Amino acid sequence: EPAVAFLHEHAIQRAHTVDTVRTYMEILYDWFDTLEQSGIVWSEADAVDLIAYRNRMLQNPSAHTGRPYSVRTVNHRVRGILRFYQWAVRHGWLQASSLIGRKRDFAVARRARGHHRRYGDGDDRSFFVLRQFQELPRPLTSAQARELLAELRPPYDLMARW
């Protein structure tokens, strides 16, 4: 089984942490479960299947937590699936996959985005990965600010008050 070989390589040969391997396992379990429910063989999954999977996570809350998926979580799962398919091609489990190596080469993407190039060519920018915005830091509450000021020693207390 390619998924087991992928997880084994990451656990043993690449010496990833138990948490990392568990995360990969959860991603692949959910992906393979989705494919099975849809009657799709994993080796025949294509861009439409991955986009449907991604969009399902955006539209429905997590069955595990009941909360909506964050964009970061969705992107993490999509990248995990893409990483698995890259590995499968590299190790001969698949001859080729439409999920890898063609980040911007989908006719659907060209129609949707037009000919404008608004973003850089970073490796994370692909047709599958959603745009993420950096979260702003939350300000301290009045009580937290008072507690912080009470703990600061000179001259740092003056710097904070200024």
N, C-alpha and C. Protein backbone atom coordinates (compact mmCIF):
# COMPACT_ATOMS: atom_id res chain seq x y z
N GLU A 1 0.84 -1.19 0.00
CA GLU A 1 0.00 0.00 0.00
C GLU A 1 0.88 1.25 0.00
N PRO A 2 0.65 2.17 -0.92
CA PRO A 2 1.49 3.36 -1.00
C PRO A 2 1.38 4.27 0.22
N ALA A 3 0.20 4.40 0.80
CA ALA A 3 0.05 5.28 1.96
C ALA A 3 0.88 4.77 3.13
N VAL A 4 0.89 3.46 3.33
CA VAL A 4 1.68 2.87 4.42
C VAL A 4 3.17 3.08 4.15
N ALA A 5 3.60 2.88 2.90
CA ALA A 5 5.00 3.10 2.54
C ALA A 5 5.39 4.56 2.74
N PHE A 6 4.51 5.47 2.38
CA PHE A 6 4.76 6.91 2.57
C PHE A 6 4.94 7.22 4.05
N LEU A 7 4.03 6.74 4.87
CA LEU A 7 4.11 6.99 6.31
C LEU A 7 5.34 6.33 6.92
N HIS A 8 5.66 5.12 6.46
CA HIS A 8 6.84 4.42 6.96
C HIS A 8 8.11 5.20 6.64
N GLU A 9 8.21 5.67 5.41
CA GLU A 9 9.40 6.44 5.04
C GLU A 9 9.54 7.69 5.89
N HIS A 10 8.44 8.39 6.12
CA HIS A 10 8.52 9.61 6.90
C HIS A 10 8.80 9.33 8.37
N ALA A 11 8.34 8.20 8.87
CA ALA A 11 8.57 7.87 10.28
C ALA A 11 9.98 7.33 10.51
N ILE A 12 10.46 6.46 9.62
CA ILE A 12 11.72 5.77 9.85
C ILE A 12 12.89 6.44 9.13
N GLN A 13 12.80 6.56 7.82
CA GLN A 13 13.93 7.05 7.05
C GLN A 13 14.15 8.55 7.21
N ARG A 14 13.08 9.30 7.30
CA ARG A 14 13.23 10.76 7.42
C ARG A 14 13.18 11.22 8.87
N ALA A 15 12.86 10.31 9.78
CA ALA A 15 12.87 10.57 11.21
C ALA A 15 12.00 11.76 11.61
N HIS A 16 10.81 11.83 11.04
CA HIS A 16 9.86 12.87 11.46
C HIS A 16 9.32 12.51 12.84
N THR A 17 8.82 13.50 13.54
CA THR A 17 8.27 13.26 14.86
C THR A 17 6.98 12.45 14.75
N VAL A 18 6.58 11.87 15.86
CA VAL A 18 5.35 11.09 15.91
C VAL A 18 4.16 11.98 15.54
N ASP A 19 4.17 13.23 16.01
CA ASP A 19 3.06 14.14 15.71
C ASP A 19 2.96 14.44 14.21
N THR A 20 4.10 14.60 13.56
CA THR A 20 4.10 14.88 12.12
C THR A 20 3.55 13.68 11.35
N VAL A 21 4.01 12.50 11.69
CA VAL A 21 3.53 11.30 11.01
C VAL A 21 2.04 11.10 11.28
N ARG A 22 1.60 11.36 12.51
CA ARG A 22 0.18 11.23 12.83
C ARG A 22 -0.65 12.22 12.00
N THR A 23 -0.14 13.43 11.83
CA THR A 23 -0.83 14.43 11.02
C THR A 23 -0.94 13.95 9.57
N TYR A 24 0.16 13.45 9.00
CA TYR A 24 0.11 12.91 7.64
C TYR A 24 -0.90 11.77 7.56
N MET A 25 -0.92 10.91 8.58
CA MET A 25 -1.85 9.79 8.59
C MET A 25 -3.30 10.28 8.59
N GLU A 26 -3.59 11.28 9.41
CA GLU A 26 -4.95 11.82 9.48
C GLU A 26 -5.36 12.45 8.15
N ILE A 27 -4.43 13.17 7.53
CA ILE A 27 -4.71 13.79 6.24
C ILE A 27 -5.03 12.72 5.19
N LEU A 28 -4.16 11.72 5.11
CA LEU A 28 -4.36 10.67 4.12
C LEU A 28 -5.60 9.84 4.41
N TYR A 29 -5.88 9.58 5.68
CA TYR A 29 -7.08 8.82 6.04
C TYR A 29 -8.33 9.56 5.56
N ASP A 30 -8.39 10.86 5.82
CA ASP A 30 -9.55 11.64 5.41
C ASP A 30 -9.66 11.70 3.89
N TRP A 31 -8.53 11.87 3.20
CA TRP A 31 -8.52 11.93 1.75
C TRP A 31 -8.98 10.60 1.14
N PHE A 32 -8.40 9.49 1.60
CA PHE A 32 -8.78 8.19 1.07
C PHE A 32 -10.23 7.85 1.40
N ASP A 33 -10.70 8.26 2.56
CA ASP A 33 -12.10 8.04 2.93
C ASP A 33 -13.02 8.82 1.99
N THR A 34 -12.65 10.06 1.69
CA THR A 34 -13.43 10.88 0.77
C THR A 34 -13.47 10.24 -0.62
N LEU A 35 -12.31 9.77 -1.09
CA LEU A 35 -12.26 9.12 -2.40
C LEU A 35 -13.12 7.87 -2.42
N GLU A 36 -13.05 7.08 -1.36
CA GLU A 36 -13.84 5.84 -1.31
C GLU A 36 -15.33 6.13 -1.33
N GLN A 37 -15.75 7.15 -0.57
CA GLN A 37 -17.17 7.52 -0.56
C GLN A 37 -17.65 8.00 -1.93
N SER A 38 -16.73 8.58 -2.68
CA SER A 38 -17.08 9.08 -4.01
C SER A 38 -16.87 8.04 -5.11
N GLY A 39 -16.34 6.87 -4.74
CA GLY A 39 -16.10 5.83 -5.73
C GLY A 39 -14.95 6.13 -6.66
N ILE A 40 -13.94 6.82 -6.16
CA ILE A 40 -12.78 7.22 -6.97
C ILE A 40 -11.56 6.43 -6.50
N VAL A 41 -10.85 5.83 -7.44
CA VAL A 41 -9.61 5.13 -7.13
C VAL A 41 -8.53 6.19 -6.89
N TRP A 42 -7.72 6.01 -5.84
CA TRP A 42 -6.76 7.05 -5.45
C TRP A 42 -5.81 7.42 -6.58
N SER A 43 -5.43 6.45 -7.40
CA SER A 43 -4.48 6.71 -8.47
C SER A 43 -5.10 7.48 -9.63
N GLU A 44 -6.43 7.58 -9.65
CA GLU A 44 -7.11 8.30 -10.72
C GLU A 44 -7.66 9.65 -10.26
N ALA A 45 -7.39 10.03 -9.02
CA ALA A 45 -7.86 11.32 -8.52
C ALA A 45 -7.21 12.44 -9.33
N ASP A 46 -8.00 13.47 -9.60
CA ASP A 46 -7.48 14.58 -10.39
C ASP A 46 -7.77 15.91 -9.71
N ALA A 47 -7.50 16.98 -10.43
CA ALA A 47 -7.66 18.32 -9.87
C ALA A 47 -9.09 18.59 -9.41
N VAL A 48 -10.05 18.11 -10.15
CA VAL A 48 -11.46 18.33 -9.79
C VAL A 48 -11.75 17.69 -8.44
N ASP A 49 -11.21 16.50 -8.22
CA ASP A 49 -11.44 15.80 -6.95
C ASP A 49 -10.80 16.54 -5.78
N LEU A 50 -9.58 17.01 -5.97
CA LEU A 50 -8.90 17.73 -4.89
C LEU A 50 -9.58 19.06 -4.59
N ILE A 51 -10.03 19.75 -5.62
CA ILE A 51 -10.73 21.02 -5.41
C ILE A 51 -12.06 20.79 -4.71
N ALA A 52 -12.76 19.72 -5.07
CA ALA A 52 -14.02 19.40 -4.39
C ALA A 52 -13.77 19.08 -2.92
N TYR A 53 -12.69 18.36 -2.64
CA TYR A 53 -12.31 18.03 -1.26
C TYR A 53 -12.01 19.32 -0.48
N ARG A 54 -11.22 20.19 -1.10
CA ARG A 54 -10.88 21.47 -0.47
C ARG A 54 -12.14 22.29 -0.19
N ASN A 55 -13.02 22.39 -1.18
CA ASN A 55 -14.23 23.19 -1.03
C ASN A 55 -15.18 22.60 0.01
N ARG A 56 -15.22 21.27 0.10
CA ARG A 56 -16.05 20.63 1.12
C ARG A 56 -15.60 21.04 2.52
N MET A 57 -14.28 21.12 2.72
CA MET A 57 -13.77 21.55 4.03
C MET A 57 -14.15 23.00 4.32
N LEU A 58 -14.22 23.82 3.28
CA LEU A 58 -14.58 25.22 3.48
C LEU A 58 -16.06 25.40 3.77
N GLN A 59 -16.89 24.52 3.24
CA GLN A 59 -18.34 24.67 3.36
C GLN A 59 -18.92 23.96 4.56
N ASN A 60 -18.27 22.90 5.03
CA ASN A 60 -18.82 22.10 6.12
C ASN A 60 -17.89 22.13 7.33
N PRO A 61 -18.46 22.10 8.52
CA PRO A 61 -17.61 22.07 9.72
C PRO A 61 -16.93 20.70 9.86
N SER A 62 -15.91 20.66 10.66
CA SER A 62 -15.21 19.42 10.94
C SER A 62 -16.13 18.44 11.64
N ALA A 63 -16.13 17.21 11.18
CA ALA A 63 -16.94 16.17 11.83
C ALA A 63 -16.38 15.84 13.21
N HIS A 64 -15.10 16.10 13.40
CA HIS A 64 -14.43 15.79 14.66
C HIS A 64 -14.70 16.85 15.73
N THR A 65 -14.57 18.13 15.34
CA THR A 65 -14.71 19.21 16.33
C THR A 65 -16.03 19.96 16.23
N GLY A 66 -16.68 19.89 15.07
CA GLY A 66 -17.91 20.65 14.88
C GLY A 66 -17.67 22.11 14.51
N ARG A 67 -16.41 22.51 14.43
CA ARG A 67 -16.08 23.90 14.08
C ARG A 67 -15.68 23.98 12.61
N PRO A 68 -15.80 25.18 12.02
CA PRO A 68 -15.36 25.34 10.63
C PRO A 68 -13.84 25.15 10.53
N TYR A 69 -13.40 24.66 9.39
CA TYR A 69 -11.97 24.52 9.14
C TYR A 69 -11.37 25.90 8.89
N SER A 70 -10.19 26.15 9.41
CA SER A 70 -9.50 27.40 9.09
C SER A 70 -8.83 27.24 7.73
N VAL A 71 -8.55 28.36 7.09
CA VAL A 71 -7.86 28.34 5.79
C VAL A 71 -6.50 27.66 5.95
N ARG A 72 -5.85 27.91 7.07
CA ARG A 72 -4.54 27.30 7.33
C ARG A 72 -4.66 25.77 7.35
N THR A 73 -5.68 25.25 8.02
CA THR A 73 -5.89 23.80 8.09
C THR A 73 -6.19 23.23 6.71
N VAL A 74 -7.04 23.90 5.96
CA VAL A 74 -7.38 23.44 4.61
C VAL A 74 -6.12 23.39 3.75
N ASN A 75 -5.33 24.45 3.77
CA ASN A 75 -4.10 24.47 2.99
C ASN A 75 -3.12 23.39 3.44
N HIS A 76 -3.03 23.17 4.74
CA HIS A 76 -2.14 22.14 5.28
C HIS A 76 -2.54 20.76 4.76
N ARG A 77 -3.83 20.48 4.74
CA ARG A 77 -4.30 19.19 4.24
C ARG A 77 -4.08 19.05 2.74
N VAL A 78 -4.35 20.10 1.99
CA VAL A 78 -4.14 20.06 0.54
C VAL A 78 -2.66 19.84 0.24
N ARG A 79 -1.78 20.55 0.93
CA ARG A 79 -0.34 20.37 0.71
C ARG A 79 0.10 18.96 1.08
N GLY A 80 -0.48 18.40 2.13
CA GLY A 80 -0.15 17.02 2.52
C GLY A 80 -0.53 16.03 1.43
N ILE A 81 -1.68 16.23 0.82
CA ILE A 81 -2.12 15.34 -0.27
C ILE A 81 -1.21 15.51 -1.48
N LEU A 82 -0.88 16.75 -1.82
CA LEU A 82 0.03 16.98 -2.95
C LEU A 82 1.39 16.37 -2.68
N ARG A 83 1.87 16.48 -1.44
CA ARG A 83 3.15 15.87 -1.06
C ARG A 83 3.11 14.35 -1.25
N PHE A 84 2.00 13.73 -0.87
CA PHE A 84 1.85 12.28 -1.04
C PHE A 84 1.89 11.90 -2.52
N TYR A 85 1.19 12.63 -3.37
CA TYR A 85 1.18 12.30 -4.80
C TYR A 85 2.55 12.54 -5.43
N GLN A 86 3.26 13.57 -5.02
CA GLN A 86 4.62 13.78 -5.51
C GLN A 86 5.51 12.60 -5.13
N TRP A 87 5.37 12.17 -3.88
CA TRP A 87 6.14 11.02 -3.40
C TRP A 87 5.78 9.76 -4.21
N ALA A 88 4.49 9.54 -4.45
CA ALA A 88 4.03 8.34 -5.17
C ALA A 88 4.61 8.29 -6.59
N VAL A 89 4.68 9.42 -7.26
CA VAL A 89 5.27 9.46 -8.60
C VAL A 89 6.77 9.24 -8.51
N ARG A 90 7.41 9.90 -7.58
CA ARG A 90 8.86 9.79 -7.41
C ARG A 90 9.29 8.36 -7.09
N HIS A 91 8.46 7.61 -6.36
CA HIS A 91 8.81 6.25 -5.95
C HIS A 91 8.16 5.17 -6.81
N GLY A 92 7.54 5.54 -7.91
CA GLY A 92 7.04 4.57 -8.87
C GLY A 92 5.69 3.96 -8.55
N TRP A 93 4.98 4.46 -7.57
CA TRP A 93 3.63 3.97 -7.30
C TRP A 93 2.66 4.47 -8.37
N LEU A 94 2.98 5.61 -8.96
CA LEU A 94 2.20 6.17 -10.07
C LEU A 94 3.18 6.56 -11.17
N GLN A 95 2.75 6.41 -12.42
CA GLN A 95 3.60 6.90 -13.51
C GLN A 95 3.54 8.41 -13.59
N ALA A 96 2.36 8.96 -13.38
CA ALA A 96 2.16 10.40 -13.41
C ALA A 96 0.88 10.71 -12.65
N SER A 97 0.73 11.97 -12.28
CA SER A 97 -0.49 12.41 -11.62
C SER A 97 -0.79 13.84 -12.06
N SER A 98 -2.04 14.08 -12.36
CA SER A 98 -2.42 15.44 -12.76
C SER A 98 -2.40 16.40 -11.58
N LEU A 99 -2.18 15.87 -10.37
CA LEU A 99 -2.15 16.73 -9.19
C LEU A 99 -0.80 17.37 -8.95
N ILE A 100 0.22 16.94 -9.66
CA ILE A 100 1.55 17.50 -9.40
C ILE A 100 2.17 18.06 -10.66
N GLY A 101 3.06 19.02 -10.46
CA GLY A 101 3.87 19.56 -11.53
C GLY A 101 3.16 20.47 -12.50
N ARG A 102 1.91 20.80 -12.24
CA ARG A 102 1.17 21.66 -13.17
C ARG A 102 0.41 22.72 -12.38
N LYS A 103 1.10 23.42 -11.53
CA LYS A 103 0.45 24.33 -10.60
C LYS A 103 -0.44 25.36 -11.28
N ARG A 104 -0.03 25.84 -12.43
CA ARG A 104 -0.80 26.90 -13.08
C ARG A 104 -1.24 26.50 -14.48
N ASP A 105 -1.30 25.23 -14.74
CA ASP A 105 -1.53 24.78 -16.11
C ASP A 105 -2.92 24.17 -16.30
N PHE A 106 -3.91 24.68 -15.61
CA PHE A 106 -5.26 24.16 -15.76
C PHE A 106 -6.09 25.17 -16.53
N ALA A 107 -6.82 24.70 -17.51
CA ALA A 107 -7.67 25.59 -18.30
C ALA A 107 -8.68 26.29 -17.41
N VAL A 108 -9.18 25.59 -16.41
CA VAL A 108 -10.13 26.19 -15.47
C VAL A 108 -9.48 27.37 -14.75
N ALA A 109 -8.23 27.20 -14.37
CA ALA A 109 -7.53 28.27 -13.65
C ALA A 109 -7.33 29.47 -14.56
N ARG A 110 -6.98 29.22 -15.81
CA ARG A 110 -6.76 30.35 -16.71
C ARG A 110 -8.04 31.13 -16.95
N ARG A 111 -9.16 30.43 -17.07
CA ARG A 111 -10.44 31.13 -17.26
C ARG A 111 -10.80 31.93 -16.01
N ALA A 112 -10.57 31.36 -14.86
CA ALA A 112 -10.98 32.01 -13.62
C ALA A 112 -10.10 33.21 -13.31
N ARG A 113 -8.80 33.10 -13.56
CA ARG A 113 -7.89 34.17 -13.17
C ARG A 113 -7.60 35.15 -14.29
N GLY A 114 -7.93 34.82 -15.51
CA GLY A 114 -7.61 35.70 -16.62
C GLY A 114 -6.12 35.69 -16.88
N HIS A 115 -5.63 36.79 -17.45
CA HIS A 115 -4.22 36.86 -17.80
C HIS A 115 -3.45 37.78 -16.87
N HIS A 116 -4.05 38.23 -15.81
CA HIS A 116 -3.37 39.13 -14.88
C HIS A 116 -2.49 38.33 -13.93
N ARG A 117 -1.30 38.85 -13.66
CA ARG A 117 -0.38 38.21 -12.72
C ARG A 117 -0.25 39.14 -11.54
N ARG A 118 -1.08 38.94 -10.54
CA ARG A 118 -1.09 39.85 -9.41
C ARG A 118 -0.19 39.39 -8.28
N TYR A 119 0.18 38.12 -8.26
CA TYR A 119 0.93 37.57 -7.15
C TYR A 119 2.28 37.09 -7.64
N GLY A 120 3.20 36.91 -6.68
CA GLY A 120 4.52 36.39 -7.00
C GLY A 120 4.46 34.92 -7.36
N ASP A 121 5.59 34.38 -7.75
CA ASP A 121 5.66 32.98 -8.17
C ASP A 121 6.15 32.08 -7.05
N GLY A 122 5.74 32.31 -5.82
CA GLY A 122 6.17 31.47 -4.71
C GLY A 122 5.71 30.04 -4.89
N ASP A 123 6.44 29.11 -4.29
CA ASP A 123 6.11 27.69 -4.40
C ASP A 123 4.76 27.36 -3.79
N ASP A 124 4.33 28.14 -2.80
CA ASP A 124 3.05 27.86 -2.16
C ASP A 124 1.87 28.30 -3.01
N ARG A 125 2.09 29.18 -3.96
CA ARG A 125 0.99 29.68 -4.77
C ARG A 125 0.65 28.63 -5.81
N SER A 126 -0.47 28.02 -5.70
CA SER A 126 -0.90 27.06 -6.70
C SER A 126 -2.40 27.15 -6.85
N PHE A 127 -2.90 26.40 -7.76
CA PHE A 127 -4.33 26.41 -8.03
C PHE A 127 -5.11 25.82 -6.87
N PHE A 128 -4.47 24.94 -6.10
CA PHE A 128 -5.17 24.24 -5.04
C PHE A 128 -5.14 24.97 -3.70
N VAL A 129 -4.10 25.73 -3.46
CA VAL A 129 -3.89 26.35 -2.15
C VAL A 129 -4.60 27.70 -2.09
N LEU A 130 -5.30 27.93 -1.00
CA LEU A 130 -6.04 29.17 -0.82
C LEU A 130 -5.13 30.27 -0.31
N ARG A 131 -5.48 31.48 -0.61
CA ARG A 131 -4.72 32.63 -0.14
C ARG A 131 -4.96 32.81 1.36
N GLN A 132 -3.88 33.01 2.10
CA GLN A 132 -3.97 33.21 3.54
C GLN A 132 -3.56 34.64 3.87
N PHE A 133 -4.25 35.20 4.83
CA PHE A 133 -3.91 36.52 5.30
C PHE A 133 -3.31 36.40 6.69
N GLN A 134 -2.28 37.18 6.93
CA GLN A 134 -1.63 37.13 8.23
C GLN A 134 -2.56 37.73 9.28
N GLU A 135 -2.69 37.02 10.39
CA GLU A 135 -3.55 37.50 11.45
C GLU A 135 -2.85 38.62 12.21
N LEU A 136 -3.62 39.63 12.59
CA LEU A 136 -3.07 40.72 13.38
C LEU A 136 -3.00 40.30 14.84
N PRO A 137 -2.00 40.81 15.57
CA PRO A 137 -1.94 40.47 16.99
C PRO A 137 -3.11 41.09 17.74
N ARG A 138 -3.57 40.39 18.76
CA ARG A 138 -4.68 40.91 19.57
C ARG A 138 -4.12 41.87 20.62
N PRO A 139 -4.78 43.01 20.84
CA PRO A 139 -4.30 43.93 21.87
C PRO A 139 -4.58 43.36 23.26
N LEU A 140 -3.81 43.83 24.22
CA LEU A 140 -4.02 43.41 25.61
C LEU A 140 -5.29 44.06 26.15
N THR A 141 -5.96 43.36 27.03
CA THR A 141 -7.09 43.97 27.74
C THR A 141 -6.51 44.91 28.79
N SER A 142 -7.34 45.76 29.36
CA SER A 142 -6.87 46.69 30.40
C SER A 142 -6.28 45.93 31.57
N ALA A 143 -6.93 44.87 31.98
CA ALA A 143 -6.43 44.08 33.11
C ALA A 143 -5.08 43.45 32.79
N GLN A 144 -4.91 42.95 31.57
CA GLN A 144 -3.63 42.35 31.17
C GLN A 144 -2.54 43.41 31.13
N ALA A 145 -2.86 44.61 30.63
CA ALA A 145 -1.87 45.69 30.58
C ALA A 145 -1.44 46.10 31.98
N ARG A 146 -2.39 46.23 32.92
CA ARG A 146 -2.05 46.58 34.31
C ARG A 146 -1.17 45.50 34.93
N GLU A 147 -1.50 44.25 34.69
CA GLU A 147 -0.71 43.14 35.24
C GLU A 147 0.70 43.15 34.68
N LEU A 148 0.84 43.42 33.40
CA LEU A 148 2.16 43.49 32.77
C LEU A 148 2.98 44.63 33.34
N LEU A 149 2.37 45.81 33.45
CA LEU A 149 3.09 46.97 33.99
C LEU A 149 3.52 46.73 35.43
N ALA A 150 2.71 46.04 36.21
CA ALA A 150 3.05 45.77 37.60
C ALA A 150 4.26 44.85 37.72
N GLU A 151 4.49 44.02 36.73
CA GLU A 151 5.60 43.06 36.77
C GLU A 151 6.90 43.60 36.19
N LEU A 152 6.83 44.70 35.44
CA LEU A 152 8.03 45.24 34.79
C LEU A 152 8.89 45.99 35.79
N ARG A 153 10.20 45.81 35.65
CA ARG A 153 11.16 46.51 36.51
C ARG A 153 11.70 47.72 35.76
N PRO A 154 12.20 48.73 36.49
CA PRO A 154 12.79 49.90 35.84
C PRO A 154 13.98 49.47 34.99
N PRO A 155 14.22 50.09 33.91
CA PRO A 155 13.54 51.18 33.22
C PRO A 155 12.45 50.69 32.27
N TYR A 156 12.20 49.36 32.26
CA TYR A 156 11.23 48.81 31.30
C TYR A 156 9.81 49.27 31.59
N ASP A 157 9.50 49.53 32.86
CA ASP A 157 8.16 50.00 33.18
C ASP A 157 7.91 51.38 32.57
N LEU A 158 8.96 52.24 32.61
CA LEU A 158 8.83 53.56 32.00
C LEU A 158 8.69 53.46 30.48
N MET A 159 9.44 52.55 29.89
CA MET A 159 9.35 52.36 28.44
C MET A 159 7.94 51.93 28.04
N ALA A 160 7.37 51.02 28.80
CA ALA A 160 6.04 50.52 28.49
C ALA A 160 4.98 51.61 28.68
N ARG A 161 5.15 52.43 29.72
CA ARG A 161 4.17 53.48 29.98
C ARG A 161 4.26 54.59 28.93
N TRP A 162 5.45 54.84 28.45
CA TRP A 162 5.64 55.91 27.50
C TRP A 162 4.97 55.55 26.22
